Full PDB file with SEQRES, HELIX, SHEET, SSBOND, CRYST1, ORIGX, SCALE, CONECT and MASTER records, all heavy atoms in Angstrom:
SEQRES   1 A   31  TRP THR MET LEU GLY PHE LEU PHE ILE LEU ILE PRO LEU          
SEQRES   2 A   31  GLY TRP ILE GLY GLY GLY VAL TYR PHE ARG GLN VAL ALA          
SEQRES   3 A   31  LYS SER THR LEU ASP                                          
HELIX    1 AA1 THR A    2  THR A   29  1                                  28    
CRYST1    1.000    1.000    1.000  90.00  90.00  90.00 P 1           1          
ORIGX1      1.000000  0.000000  0.000000        0.00000                         
ORIGX2      0.000000  1.000000  0.000000        0.00000                         
ORIGX3      0.000000  0.000000  1.000000        0.00000                         
SCALE1      1.000000  0.000000  0.000000        0.00000                         
SCALE2      0.000000  1.000000  0.000000        0.00000                         
SCALE3      0.000000  0.000000  1.000000        0.00000                         
ATOM      1  N   TRP A   1      -0.630  23.326  -3.273  1.00  0.00           N  
ATOM      2  CA  TRP A   1       0.088  22.436  -4.181  1.00  0.00           C  
ATOM      3  C   TRP A   1       0.974  21.460  -3.419  1.00  0.00           C  
ATOM      4  O   TRP A   1       1.149  20.308  -3.838  1.00  0.00           O  
ATOM      5  CB  TRP A   1       0.919  23.259  -5.161  1.00  0.00           C  
ATOM      6  CG  TRP A   1       0.062  24.099  -6.055  1.00  0.00           C  
ATOM      7  CD1 TRP A   1      -0.079  25.446  -6.038  1.00  0.00           C  
ATOM      8  CD2 TRP A   1      -0.809  23.621  -7.092  1.00  0.00           C  
ATOM      9  NE1 TRP A   1      -0.977  25.858  -6.983  1.00  0.00           N  
ATOM     10  CE2 TRP A   1      -1.441  24.760  -7.658  1.00  0.00           C  
ATOM     11  CE3 TRP A   1      -1.105  22.360  -7.611  1.00  0.00           C  
ATOM     12  CZ2 TRP A   1      -2.349  24.662  -8.701  1.00  0.00           C  
ATOM     13  CZ3 TRP A   1      -2.014  22.253  -8.645  1.00  0.00           C  
ATOM     14  CH2 TRP A   1      -2.619  23.389  -9.187  1.00  0.00           C  
ATOM     15  N   THR A   2       1.487  21.888  -2.288  1.00  0.00           N  
ATOM     16  CA  THR A   2       2.260  20.963  -1.445  1.00  0.00           C  
ATOM     17  C   THR A   2       1.364  19.859  -0.902  1.00  0.00           C  
ATOM     18  O   THR A   2       1.730  18.685  -0.896  1.00  0.00           O  
ATOM     19  CB  THR A   2       2.924  21.723  -0.286  1.00  0.00           C  
ATOM     20  OG1 THR A   2       3.773  22.750  -0.802  1.00  0.00           O  
ATOM     21  CG2 THR A   2       3.746  20.773   0.578  1.00  0.00           C  
ATOM     22  N   MET A   3       0.173  20.263  -0.440  1.00  0.00           N  
ATOM     23  CA  MET A   3      -0.788  19.262   0.053  1.00  0.00           C  
ATOM     24  C   MET A   3      -1.171  18.302  -1.059  1.00  0.00           C  
ATOM     25  O   MET A   3      -1.258  17.080  -0.844  1.00  0.00           O  
ATOM     26  CB  MET A   3      -2.029  19.961   0.598  1.00  0.00           C  
ATOM     27  CG  MET A   3      -3.060  18.998   1.187  1.00  0.00           C  
ATOM     28  SD  MET A   3      -4.588  19.817   1.687  1.00  0.00           S  
ATOM     29  CE  MET A   3      -5.285  20.197   0.060  1.00  0.00           C  
ATOM     30  N   LEU A   4      -1.397  18.817  -2.267  1.00  0.00           N  
ATOM     31  CA  LEU A   4      -1.750  17.962  -3.396  1.00  0.00           C  
ATOM     32  C   LEU A   4      -0.615  16.994  -3.718  1.00  0.00           C  
ATOM     33  O   LEU A   4      -0.855  15.824  -4.042  1.00  0.00           O  
ATOM     34  CB  LEU A   4      -2.067  18.831  -4.615  1.00  0.00           C  
ATOM     35  CG  LEU A   4      -2.888  18.185  -5.739  1.00  0.00           C  
ATOM     36  CD1 LEU A   4      -4.253  17.769  -5.225  1.00  0.00           C  
ATOM     37  CD2 LEU A   4      -3.021  19.145  -6.909  1.00  0.00           C  
ATOM     38  N   GLY A   5       0.632  17.463  -3.592  1.00  0.00           N  
ATOM     39  CA  GLY A   5       1.775  16.585  -3.812  1.00  0.00           C  
ATOM     40  C   GLY A   5       1.822  15.452  -2.797  1.00  0.00           C  
ATOM     41  O   GLY A   5       2.117  14.302  -3.150  1.00  0.00           O  
ATOM     42  N   PHE A   6       1.538  15.786  -1.525  1.00  0.00           N  
ATOM     43  CA  PHE A   6       1.461  14.751  -0.494  1.00  0.00           C  
ATOM     44  C   PHE A   6       0.412  13.705  -0.863  1.00  0.00           C  
ATOM     45  O   PHE A   6       0.632  12.497  -0.699  1.00  0.00           O  
ATOM     46  CB  PHE A   6       1.120  15.376   0.860  1.00  0.00           C  
ATOM     47  CG  PHE A   6       2.320  15.779   1.669  1.00  0.00           C  
ATOM     48  CD1 PHE A   6       2.709  17.106   1.742  1.00  0.00           C  
ATOM     49  CD2 PHE A   6       3.055  14.835   2.354  1.00  0.00           C  
ATOM     50  CE1 PHE A   6       3.816  17.487   2.487  1.00  0.00           C  
ATOM     51  CE2 PHE A   6       4.162  15.193   3.113  1.00  0.00           C  
ATOM     52  CZ  PHE A   6       4.544  16.531   3.169  1.00  0.00           C  
ATOM     53  N   LEU A   7      -0.742  14.153  -1.344  1.00  0.00           N  
ATOM     54  CA  LEU A   7      -1.823  13.230  -1.691  1.00  0.00           C  
ATOM     55  C   LEU A   7      -1.394  12.274  -2.797  1.00  0.00           C  
ATOM     56  O   LEU A   7      -1.624  11.061  -2.702  1.00  0.00           O  
ATOM     57  CB  LEU A   7      -3.070  14.009  -2.136  1.00  0.00           C  
ATOM     58  CG  LEU A   7      -3.766  14.873  -1.087  1.00  0.00           C  
ATOM     59  CD1 LEU A   7      -4.943  15.618  -1.701  1.00  0.00           C  
ATOM     60  CD2 LEU A   7      -4.248  14.024   0.078  1.00  0.00           C  
ATOM     61  N   PHE A   8      -0.760  12.802  -3.828  1.00  0.00           N  
ATOM     62  CA  PHE A   8      -0.378  11.979  -4.971  1.00  0.00           C  
ATOM     63  C   PHE A   8       0.778  11.042  -4.653  1.00  0.00           C  
ATOM     64  O   PHE A   8       0.991  10.061  -5.379  1.00  0.00           O  
ATOM     65  CB  PHE A   8      -0.010  12.880  -6.159  1.00  0.00           C  
ATOM     66  CG  PHE A   8      -1.193  13.337  -6.949  1.00  0.00           C  
ATOM     67  CD1 PHE A   8      -1.694  14.617  -6.780  1.00  0.00           C  
ATOM     68  CD2 PHE A   8      -1.830  12.493  -7.849  1.00  0.00           C  
ATOM     69  CE1 PHE A   8      -2.803  15.055  -7.503  1.00  0.00           C  
ATOM     70  CE2 PHE A   8      -2.935  12.912  -8.570  1.00  0.00           C  
ATOM     71  CZ  PHE A   8      -3.418  14.201  -8.407  1.00  0.00           C  
ATOM     72  N   ILE A   9       1.519  11.316  -3.599  1.00  0.00           N  
ATOM     73  CA  ILE A   9       2.626  10.440  -3.215  1.00  0.00           C  
ATOM     74  C   ILE A   9       2.207   9.437  -2.143  1.00  0.00           C  
ATOM     75  O   ILE A   9       2.444   8.229  -2.265  1.00  0.00           O  
ATOM     76  CB  ILE A   9       3.829  11.275  -2.717  1.00  0.00           C  
ATOM     77  CG1 ILE A   9       4.414  12.103  -3.859  1.00  0.00           C  
ATOM     78  CG2 ILE A   9       4.908  10.364  -2.129  1.00  0.00           C  
ATOM     79  CD1 ILE A   9       5.506  13.063  -3.421  1.00  0.00           C  
ATOM     80  N   LEU A  10       1.556   9.923  -1.084  1.00  0.00           N  
ATOM     81  CA  LEU A  10       1.264   9.072   0.067  1.00  0.00           C  
ATOM     82  C   LEU A  10       0.171   8.052  -0.211  1.00  0.00           C  
ATOM     83  O   LEU A  10       0.265   6.907   0.254  1.00  0.00           O  
ATOM     84  CB  LEU A  10       0.870   9.946   1.259  1.00  0.00           C  
ATOM     85  CG  LEU A  10       1.974  10.851   1.811  1.00  0.00           C  
ATOM     86  CD1 LEU A  10       1.444  11.708   2.959  1.00  0.00           C  
ATOM     87  CD2 LEU A  10       3.170  10.029   2.284  1.00  0.00           C  
ATOM     88  N   ILE A  11      -0.885   8.446  -0.939  1.00  0.00           N  
ATOM     89  CA  ILE A  11      -1.972   7.503  -1.187  1.00  0.00           C  
ATOM     90  C   ILE A  11      -1.504   6.304  -2.013  1.00  0.00           C  
ATOM     91  O   ILE A  11      -1.755   5.150  -1.624  1.00  0.00           O  
ATOM     92  CB  ILE A  11      -3.171   8.221  -1.845  1.00  0.00           C  
ATOM     93  CG1 ILE A  11      -3.808   9.183  -0.844  1.00  0.00           C  
ATOM     94  CG2 ILE A  11      -4.210   7.202  -2.320  1.00  0.00           C  
ATOM     95  CD1 ILE A  11      -4.951   9.995  -1.410  1.00  0.00           C  
ATOM     96  N   PRO A  12      -0.808   6.501  -3.150  1.00  0.00           N  
ATOM     97  CA  PRO A  12      -0.279   5.316  -3.858  1.00  0.00           C  
ATOM     98  C   PRO A  12       0.703   4.497  -3.024  1.00  0.00           C  
ATOM     99  O   PRO A  12       0.718   3.264  -3.112  1.00  0.00           O  
ATOM    100  CB  PRO A  12       0.411   5.915  -5.092  1.00  0.00           C  
ATOM    101  CG  PRO A  12      -0.300   7.212  -5.318  1.00  0.00           C  
ATOM    102  CD  PRO A  12      -0.601   7.729  -3.943  1.00  0.00           C  
ATOM    103  N   LEU A  13       1.534   5.167  -2.209  1.00  0.00           N  
ATOM    104  CA  LEU A  13       2.441   4.420  -1.333  1.00  0.00           C  
ATOM    105  C   LEU A  13       1.653   3.569  -0.339  1.00  0.00           C  
ATOM    106  O   LEU A  13       2.052   2.438  -0.015  1.00  0.00           O  
ATOM    107  CB  LEU A  13       3.365   5.378  -0.583  1.00  0.00           C  
ATOM    108  CG  LEU A  13       4.557   5.945  -1.361  1.00  0.00           C  
ATOM    109  CD1 LEU A  13       5.345   6.916  -0.489  1.00  0.00           C  
ATOM    110  CD2 LEU A  13       5.461   4.832  -1.869  1.00  0.00           C  
ATOM    111  N   GLY A  14       0.538   4.102   0.157  1.00  0.00           N  
ATOM    112  CA  GLY A  14      -0.315   3.331   1.050  1.00  0.00           C  
ATOM    113  C   GLY A  14      -0.912   2.123   0.353  1.00  0.00           C  
ATOM    114  O   GLY A  14      -1.006   1.039   0.942  1.00  0.00           O  
ATOM    115  N   TRP A  15      -1.308   2.289  -0.912  1.00  0.00           N  
ATOM    116  CA  TRP A  15      -1.826   1.155  -1.677  1.00  0.00           C  
ATOM    117  C   TRP A  15      -0.748   0.092  -1.866  1.00  0.00           C  
ATOM    118  O   TRP A  15      -1.017  -1.111  -1.711  1.00  0.00           O  
ATOM    119  CB  TRP A  15      -2.325   1.623  -3.042  1.00  0.00           C  
ATOM    120  CG  TRP A  15      -3.554   2.477  -2.986  1.00  0.00           C  
ATOM    121  CD1 TRP A  15      -4.405   2.610  -1.924  1.00  0.00           C  
ATOM    122  CD2 TRP A  15      -4.069   3.320  -4.020  1.00  0.00           C  
ATOM    123  NE1 TRP A  15      -5.419   3.485  -2.236  1.00  0.00           N  
ATOM    124  CE2 TRP A  15      -5.245   3.934  -3.519  1.00  0.00           C  
ATOM    125  CE3 TRP A  15      -3.648   3.626  -5.313  1.00  0.00           C  
ATOM    126  CZ2 TRP A  15      -6.001   4.826  -4.274  1.00  0.00           C  
ATOM    127  CZ3 TRP A  15      -4.407   4.510  -6.071  1.00  0.00           C  
ATOM    128  CH2 TRP A  15      -5.567   5.096  -5.559  1.00  0.00           C  
ATOM    129  N   ILE A  16       0.457   0.528  -2.202  1.00  0.00           N  
ATOM    130  CA  ILE A  16       1.554  -0.420  -2.409  1.00  0.00           C  
ATOM    131  C   ILE A  16       1.857  -1.175  -1.110  1.00  0.00           C  
ATOM    132  O   ILE A  16       2.014  -2.400  -1.103  1.00  0.00           O  
ATOM    133  CB  ILE A  16       2.805   0.309  -2.924  1.00  0.00           C  
ATOM    134  CG1 ILE A  16       2.558   0.850  -4.332  1.00  0.00           C  
ATOM    135  CG2 ILE A  16       4.023  -0.617  -2.924  1.00  0.00           C  
ATOM    136  CD1 ILE A  16       3.662   1.749  -4.851  1.00  0.00           C  
ATOM    137  N   GLY A  17       1.941  -0.431  -0.001  1.00  0.00           N  
ATOM    138  CA  GLY A  17       2.173  -1.085   1.284  1.00  0.00           C  
ATOM    139  C   GLY A  17       1.058  -2.053   1.633  1.00  0.00           C  
ATOM    140  O   GLY A  17       1.310  -3.146   2.164  1.00  0.00           O  
ATOM    141  N   GLY A  18      -0.181  -1.686   1.314  1.00  0.00           N  
ATOM    142  CA  GLY A  18      -1.305  -2.580   1.556  1.00  0.00           C  
ATOM    143  C   GLY A  18      -1.216  -3.843   0.723  1.00  0.00           C  
ATOM    144  O   GLY A  18      -1.525  -4.944   1.211  1.00  0.00           O  
ATOM    145  N   GLY A  19      -0.779  -3.708  -0.546  1.00  0.00           N  
ATOM    146  CA  GLY A  19      -0.625  -4.886  -1.383  1.00  0.00           C  
ATOM    147  C   GLY A  19       0.430  -5.838  -0.850  1.00  0.00           C  
ATOM    148  O   GLY A  19       0.248  -7.061  -0.852  1.00  0.00           O  
ATOM    149  N   VAL A  20       1.554  -5.284  -0.364  1.00  0.00           N  
ATOM    150  CA  VAL A  20       2.607  -6.108   0.225  1.00  0.00           C  
ATOM    151  C   VAL A  20       2.106  -6.805   1.491  1.00  0.00           C  
ATOM    152  O   VAL A  20       2.332  -8.011   1.704  1.00  0.00           O  
ATOM    153  CB  VAL A  20       3.845  -5.248   0.543  1.00  0.00           C  
ATOM    154  CG1 VAL A  20       4.897  -6.061   1.301  1.00  0.00           C  
ATOM    155  CG2 VAL A  20       4.439  -4.667  -0.741  1.00  0.00           C  
ATOM    156  N   TYR A  21       1.390  -6.051   2.316  1.00  0.00           N  
ATOM    157  CA  TYR A  21       0.862  -6.591   3.580  1.00  0.00           C  
ATOM    158  C   TYR A  21      -0.152  -7.703   3.321  1.00  0.00           C  
ATOM    159  O   TYR A  21      -0.062  -8.797   3.908  1.00  0.00           O  
ATOM    160  CB  TYR A  21       0.235  -5.441   4.349  1.00  0.00           C  
ATOM    161  CG  TYR A  21      -0.495  -5.816   5.612  1.00  0.00           C  
ATOM    162  CD1 TYR A  21       0.122  -6.546   6.618  1.00  0.00           C  
ATOM    163  CD2 TYR A  21      -1.820  -5.410   5.818  1.00  0.00           C  
ATOM    164  CE1 TYR A  21      -0.545  -6.874   7.787  1.00  0.00           C  
ATOM    165  CE2 TYR A  21      -2.492  -5.711   6.981  1.00  0.00           C  
ATOM    166  CZ  TYR A  21      -1.862  -6.443   7.962  1.00  0.00           C  
ATOM    167  OH  TYR A  21      -2.527  -6.765   9.117  1.00  0.00           O  
ATOM    168  N   PHE A  22      -1.105  -7.482   2.430  1.00  0.00           N  
ATOM    169  CA  PHE A  22      -2.112  -8.490   2.113  1.00  0.00           C  
ATOM    170  C   PHE A  22      -1.462  -9.734   1.520  1.00  0.00           C  
ATOM    171  O   PHE A  22      -1.873 -10.862   1.819  1.00  0.00           O  
ATOM    172  CB  PHE A  22      -3.148  -7.916   1.143  1.00  0.00           C  
ATOM    173  CG  PHE A  22      -4.313  -7.245   1.814  1.00  0.00           C  
ATOM    174  CD1 PHE A  22      -4.117  -6.286   2.798  1.00  0.00           C  
ATOM    175  CD2 PHE A  22      -5.608  -7.562   1.450  1.00  0.00           C  
ATOM    176  CE1 PHE A  22      -5.191  -5.662   3.417  1.00  0.00           C  
ATOM    177  CE2 PHE A  22      -6.691  -6.942   2.066  1.00  0.00           C  
ATOM    178  CZ  PHE A  22      -6.483  -5.993   3.041  1.00  0.00           C  
ATOM    179  N   ARG A  23      -0.454  -9.520   0.667  1.00  0.00           N  
ATOM    180  CA  ARG A  23       0.213 -10.669   0.044  1.00  0.00           C  
ATOM    181  C   ARG A  23       0.902 -11.529   1.094  1.00  0.00           C  
ATOM    182  O   ARG A  23       0.820 -12.773   1.044  1.00  0.00           O  
ATOM    183  CB  ARG A  23       1.234 -10.184  -0.984  1.00  0.00           C  
ATOM    184  CG  ARG A  23       2.037 -11.307  -1.642  1.00  0.00           C  
ATOM    185  CD  ARG A  23       3.017 -10.757  -2.655  1.00  0.00           C  
ATOM    186  NE  ARG A  23       3.821 -11.812  -3.255  1.00  0.00           N  
ATOM    187  CZ  ARG A  23       4.988 -12.223  -2.779  1.00  0.00           C  
ATOM    188  NH1 ARG A  23       5.507 -11.640  -1.683  1.00  0.00           N  
ATOM    189  NH2 ARG A  23       5.656 -13.196  -3.372  1.00  0.00           N  
ATOM    190  N   GLN A  24       1.575 -10.902   2.047  1.00  0.00           N  
ATOM    191  CA  GLN A  24       2.270 -11.667   3.074  1.00  0.00           C  
ATOM    192  C   GLN A  24       1.302 -12.443   3.957  1.00  0.00           C  
ATOM    193  O   GLN A  24       1.557 -13.599   4.297  1.00  0.00           O  
ATOM    194  CB  GLN A  24       3.126 -10.722   3.936  1.00  0.00           C  
ATOM    195  CG  GLN A  24       4.327 -10.137   3.205  1.00  0.00           C  
ATOM    196  CD  GLN A  24       5.247 -11.215   2.678  1.00  0.00           C  
ATOM    197  OE1 GLN A  24       5.336 -11.418   1.459  1.00  0.00           O  
ATOM    198  NE2 GLN A  24       5.929 -11.923   3.558  1.00  0.00           N  
ATOM    199  N   VAL A  25       0.187 -11.813   4.313  1.00  0.00           N  
ATOM    200  CA  VAL A  25      -0.790 -12.504   5.166  1.00  0.00           C  
ATOM    201  C   VAL A  25      -1.460 -13.627   4.390  1.00  0.00           C  
ATOM    202  O   VAL A  25      -1.636 -14.740   4.909  1.00  0.00           O  
ATOM    203  CB  VAL A  25      -1.835 -11.503   5.696  1.00  0.00           C  
ATOM    204  CG1 VAL A  25      -2.908 -12.234   6.512  1.00  0.00           C  
ATOM    205  CG2 VAL A  25      -1.165 -10.437   6.563  1.00  0.00           C  
ATOM    206  N   ALA A  26      -1.833 -13.361   3.133  1.00  0.00           N  
ATOM    207  CA  ALA A  26      -2.477 -14.396   2.323  1.00  0.00           C  
ATOM    208  C   ALA A  26      -1.537 -15.577   2.092  1.00  0.00           C  
ATOM    209  O   ALA A  26      -1.967 -16.738   2.087  1.00  0.00           O  
ATOM    210  CB  ALA A  26      -2.932 -13.810   0.989  1.00  0.00           C  
ATOM    211  N   LYS A  27      -0.254 -15.292   1.901  1.00  0.00           N  
ATOM    212  CA  LYS A  27       0.731 -16.346   1.675  1.00  0.00           C  
ATOM    213  C   LYS A  27       0.797 -17.301   2.853  1.00  0.00           C  
ATOM    214  O   LYS A  27       1.007 -18.509   2.679  1.00  0.00           O  
ATOM    215  CB  LYS A  27       2.102 -15.707   1.429  1.00  0.00           C  
ATOM    216  CG  LYS A  27       3.197 -16.677   1.046  1.00  0.00           C  
ATOM    217  CD  LYS A  27       4.505 -15.933   0.764  1.00  0.00           C  
ATOM    218  CE  LYS A  27       5.625 -16.892   0.382  1.00  0.00           C  
ATOM    219  NZ  LYS A  27       6.893 -16.162   0.128  1.00  0.00           N  
ATOM    220  N   SER A  28       0.597 -16.788   4.058  1.00  0.00           N  
ATOM    221  CA  SER A  28       0.657 -17.635   5.255  1.00  0.00           C  
ATOM    222  C   SER A  28      -0.536 -18.583   5.354  1.00  0.00           C  
ATOM    223  O   SER A  28      -0.486 -19.549   6.120  1.00  0.00           O  
ATOM    224  CB  SER A  28       0.718 -16.759   6.512  1.00  0.00           C  
ATOM    225  OG  SER A  28      -0.516 -16.099   6.730  1.00  0.00           O  
ATOM    226  N   THR A  29      -1.602 -18.313   4.589  1.00  0.00           N  
ATOM    227  CA  THR A  29      -2.809 -19.154   4.651  1.00  0.00           C  
ATOM    228  C   THR A  29      -2.870 -20.178   3.531  1.00  0.00           C  
ATOM    229  O   THR A  29      -3.784 -21.010   3.518  1.00  0.00           O  
ATOM    230  CB  THR A  29      -4.080 -18.276   4.583  1.00  0.00           C  
ATOM    231  OG1 THR A  29      -4.171 -17.664   3.279  1.00  0.00           O  
ATOM    232  CG2 THR A  29      -4.056 -17.196   5.639  1.00  0.00           C  
ATOM    233  N   LEU A  30      -1.934 -20.128   2.588  1.00  0.00           N  
ATOM    234  CA  LEU A  30      -1.971 -21.053   1.461  1.00  0.00           C  
ATOM    235  C   LEU A  30      -1.573 -22.455   1.896  1.00  0.00           C  
ATOM    236  O   LEU A  30      -0.782 -22.648   2.823  1.00  0.00           O  
ATOM    237  CB  LEU A  30      -1.033 -20.571   0.349  1.00  0.00           C  
ATOM    238  CG  LEU A  30      -1.394 -19.228  -0.308  1.00  0.00           C  
ATOM    239  CD1 LEU A  30      -0.358 -18.868  -1.368  1.00  0.00           C  
ATOM    240  CD2 LEU A  30      -2.793 -19.273  -0.918  1.00  0.00           C  
ATOM    241  N   ASP A  31      -2.119 -23.434   1.209  1.00  0.00           N  
ATOM    242  CA  ASP A  31      -1.760 -24.819   1.478  1.00  0.00           C  
ATOM    243  C   ASP A  31      -0.330 -25.096   1.008  1.00  0.00           C  
ATOM    244  O   ASP A  31       0.211 -24.380   0.155  1.00  0.00           O  
ATOM    245  CB  ASP A  31      -2.729 -25.765   0.759  1.00  0.00           C  
ATOM    246  CG  ASP A  31      -4.152 -25.646   1.295  1.00  0.00           C  
ATOM    247  OD1 ASP A  31      -4.295 -25.374   2.507  1.00  0.00           O  
ATOM    248  OD2 ASP A  31      -5.099 -25.806   0.497  1.00  0.00           O  
TER     249      ASP A  31                                                      
MASTER        0    0    0    1    0    0    0    6  248    1    0    3          
END                                                                             
């Protein structure tokens, strides 16, 4: 259950961090 808790917390946090990262990189390419 501890491992399952890690999965439900870390994976969404990774998605959120990825969204922030992609947004910052994409923003640098906009006209």
